[in-house]
Amino acid sequence: MHRNFRKWIFYVFLCFGVLYVKLGALSSVVALGANIICNKIPGLAPRQRAICQSRPDAIIVIGEGAQMGINECQYQFRFGRWNCSALGEKTVFGQELRVGSREAAFTYAITAAGVAHAVTAACSQGNLSNCGCDREKQGYYNQAEGWKWGGCSADVRYGIDFSRRFVDAREIKKNARRLMNLHNNEAGRKVLEERMKLECKCHGVSGSCTTKTCWTTLPKFREVGHLLKEKYNVAVQVEVVRASRLRQPTFLRIKQLRSYQKPMETDLVYIEKSPNYCEEDAATGSVGTQGRLCNRTSPGADGCDTMCCGRGYNTHQYTKVWQCNCKFHWCCFVKCNTCSERTEVFTCNEPQGHTHARKAKRQDSERPSLPAWWYRTQKDFVPGLSSHWAPGQSGQMSTKIIYVSLVSGEDFSTKA
């Protein structure tokens, strides 16, 4: 879900909460607000819309969990041809891939795990109604190991159940893709559950550990992302088995000759081979790699040869200018030298047939599209591309970043 969209939902719910306090009419005001907002959210299935209307406090948490899954997907695939982007209908879970590929398997698993993680965390923090800490673990004493349950254990089972009710509700059609998506949803949640951590605190005189109080906590979501990426690398191709009289898809089996073996619970499964993601293709949802940054010297997936699919790449040269070797003079001014550094970045060419049409529309002032992380000077974030200044670190007053065309040498930065 887009960040501005999530903020819009939050503010609308906040307004309805204020109205409730002032008017004392919870049932009518909140119901009205939930209906309006839930009907505006794109891509919700009927059962999801009903859950949204009955649990309006949870929809923001669900959106945050889905966005957390999308962000993790983009991180894990940031160096590949497919970078977790797609062409298709926008939903609360991002734009869906139309092909039942291993990439689709990963997106379903990571978003289902993200929703379960976010709901569990919100319950532990007291931000959701009808849930809290895991009460079943409270009071149990493990005499053999000398510790007892205490604190606030994360109720991951509630988060998983809520994710199952909401995320799985979008699977309406009874086909092979539905079975694939449901399996991958469950695999993502299972990986999250298996990575729950046990934390303990010692109690005793003078720092001794006579007894320990322990509780379960959620893992870092980055850890879940790494594990699911490993499972993506060994994803299993499956096919559907139609066992009923109506010949409807009943279960999935590993696609091998004379094999009825089912995939493991935590396997990621797919039913169609992946496209190459080299060019934009509405049929598969591929956005292509034109304009993507690549590494000219890397032999891996982020290398220009692989990323650009043999189309070649453009070279862009940048000059970074900053004030350095600053000294304080009594009294009272700072004198600095001017330092500069030239560096290059490389972006993939467009497919043949697209280049000439785009060049005709391009104006002289256009600059290549670069991600936000390019505009960083040590720890300082510099938004935008035109000439700008950023606070410096120790020994530096500020930094200036200028774009320079390698071919013509023309400075495209905005003159200060």
Foldseek 3Di string as FASTA:
>chain_A
DDPVLLVVLVVLVVVLVVVCVVVVDVPPSLLVSQLVSLVPFPDFDPLLSVVCSVFVLLPSLLLQLLVVLQVLQQVLCVQFLDRSAFDADQGSNGGAWPAQALSNLSSLLSSLLSQLQSVLVCQCVVSGPPHHADPVQPPAADVVVFEGEDDGAGPSVVSNVVSCSNSLVSLDDQAPSNQLSNLSSQLSSVLFVVPKDKDWDADDPPPDRNHIYIHIDGDDSNVSSVVSVVLSVVAFEWDFDQDDPVSTTDHIAGPDPPGRHHDDSNHRYGHDYDDLLQDDDNNRGRHHQFLPWADCPDPDNRHQCNSQVNQDKFKWKKKKKFWFQWDADPPGDIDTDIDMDMDMIIGHHHDPPVVVVVVVVDDPLDDRDDDQVVQDDVHWGDPDQAWDWTADDPRTGIMTIWTAGPPPRDTSHDDD
